[in-house]
Amino acid sequence: MKVTVDQELCISCGLCISICEEVFHWNDDDKAEAITSDVPEELERDVEEALESCPTDAIKQV
């Protein structure tokens, strides 16, 4: 599983980071971004929760 965060859609709510800080973090523009494009299998459930919880659908599975 690979994910990315659309920087134009991200509103910096931080929900994805609070759900899975092992994959998401703040970038220099104070927007969320994925810290790794290959999500470890043990974190996939958390990443899917973050993807589904994003209020602007900024997280995309690629």
C-alpha atoms as a PDB file:
ATOM      1  CA  MET A   1       0.000   0.000   0.000  1.00  0.00           C
ATOM      2  CA  LYS A   2       1.249   3.460  -0.909  1.00  0.00           C
ATOM      3  CA  VAL A   3      -0.307   6.789   0.066  1.00  0.00           C
ATOM      4  CA  THR A   4       0.183  10.446  -0.655  1.00  0.00           C
ATOM      5  CA  VAL A   5      -1.363  13.668   0.649  1.00  0.00           C
ATOM      6  CA  ASP A   6      -2.705  16.189  -1.871  1.00  0.00           C
ATOM      7  CA  GLN A   7      -1.196  19.434  -0.597  1.00  0.00           C
ATOM      8  CA  GLU A   8      -3.874  21.555  -2.270  1.00  0.00           C
ATOM      9  CA  LEU A   9      -6.654  19.706  -0.433  1.00  0.00           C
ATOM     10  CA  CYS A  10      -4.964  19.394   2.977  1.00  0.00           C
ATOM     11  CA  ILE A  11      -6.389  21.847   5.549  1.00  0.00           C
ATOM     12  CA  SER A  12      -3.891  20.909   8.286  1.00  0.00           C
ATOM     13  CA  CYS A  13      -6.496  19.426  10.609  1.00  0.00           C
ATOM     14  CA  GLY A  14      -3.969  16.854  11.875  1.00  0.00           C
ATOM     15  CA  LEU A  15      -6.373  13.946  12.073  1.00  0.00           C
ATOM     16  CA  CYS A  16      -4.181  11.668   9.964  1.00  0.00           C
ATOM     17  CA  ILE A  17      -1.159  12.459  12.125  1.00  0.00           C
ATOM     18  CA  SER A  18      -3.060  11.713  15.321  1.00  0.00           C
ATOM     19  CA  ILE A  19      -4.274   8.400  13.853  1.00  0.00           C
ATOM     20  CA  CYS A  20      -0.941   7.230  12.407  1.00  0.00           C
ATOM     21  CA  GLU A  21       2.078   9.362  13.242  1.00  0.00           C
ATOM     22  CA  GLU A  22       4.355   6.596  11.985  1.00  0.00           C
ATOM     23  CA  VAL A  23       3.263   7.413   8.417  1.00  0.00           C
ATOM     24  CA  PHE A  24       2.062  11.040   8.476  1.00  0.00           C
ATOM     25  CA  HIS A  25       3.843  14.162   9.711  1.00  0.00           C
ATOM     26  CA  TRP A  26       3.846  17.949   9.273  1.00  0.00           C
ATOM     27  CA  ASN A  27       5.898  19.357   6.412  1.00  0.00           C
ATOM     28  CA  ASP A  28       7.539  22.803   6.247  1.00  0.00           C
ATOM     29  CA  ASP A  29       4.260  24.328   5.009  1.00  0.00           C
ATOM     30  CA  ASP A  30       2.393  22.987   8.067  1.00  0.00           C
ATOM     31  CA  LYS A  31       0.500  20.513   5.929  1.00  0.00           C
ATOM     32  CA  ALA A  32       0.376  16.767   6.419  1.00  0.00           C
ATOM     33  CA  GLU A  33       2.435  14.506   4.213  1.00  0.00           C
ATOM     34  CA  ALA A  34       3.222  10.821   4.124  1.00  0.00           C
ATOM     35  CA  ILE A  35       6.675  10.089   5.517  1.00  0.00           C
ATOM     36  CA  THR A  36       6.919   6.870   3.553  1.00  0.00           C
ATOM     37  CA  SER A  37       5.270   5.819   0.334  1.00  0.00           C
ATOM     38  CA  ASP A  38       5.400   2.117   1.256  1.00  0.00           C
ATOM     39  CA  VAL A  39       3.182   1.558   4.274  1.00  0.00           C
ATOM     40  CA  PRO A  40       4.285  -1.345   6.474  1.00  0.00           C
ATOM     41  CA  GLU A  41       1.636  -4.051   6.582  1.00  0.00           C
ATOM     42  CA  GLU A  42       1.113  -3.653  10.335  1.00  0.00           C
ATOM     43  CA  LEU A  43       0.145   0.028   9.826  1.00  0.00           C
ATOM     44  CA  GLU A  44      -2.230  -0.435   6.879  1.00  0.00           C
ATOM     45  CA  ARG A  45      -5.352  -0.522   9.047  1.00  0.00           C
ATOM     46  CA  ASP A  46      -4.418   2.792  10.707  1.00  0.00           C
ATOM     47  CA  VAL A  47      -3.607   4.378   7.343  1.00  0.00           C
ATOM     48  CA  GLU A  48      -6.959   3.236   5.940  1.00  0.00           C
ATOM     49  CA  GLU A  49      -8.679   4.815   8.956  1.00  0.00           C
ATOM     50  CA  ALA A  50      -6.785   8.076   8.320  1.00  0.00           C
ATOM     51  CA  LEU A  51      -7.706   7.952   4.631  1.00  0.00           C
ATOM     52  CA  GLU A  52     -11.390   7.434   5.424  1.00  0.00           C
ATOM     53  CA  SER A  53     -11.371  10.084   8.182  1.00  0.00           C
ATOM     54  CA  CYS A  54      -9.769  12.889   6.167  1.00  0.00           C
ATOM     55  CA  PRO A  55     -12.401  15.664   5.917  1.00  0.00           C
ATOM     56  CA  THR A  56     -11.154  16.856   2.511  1.00  0.00           C
ATOM     57  CA  ASP A  57     -10.215  13.471   0.994  1.00  0.00           C
ATOM     58  CA  ALA A  58      -6.632  14.720   0.650  1.00  0.00           C
ATOM     59  CA  ILE A  59      -5.113  11.286   1.353  1.00  0.00           C
ATOM     60  CA  LYS A  60      -4.941   9.110  -1.719  1.00  0.00           C
ATOM     61  CA  GLN A  61      -3.891   5.520  -2.152  1.00  0.00           C
ATOM     62  CA  VAL A  62      -1.515   5.307  -5.112  1.00  0.00           C
END
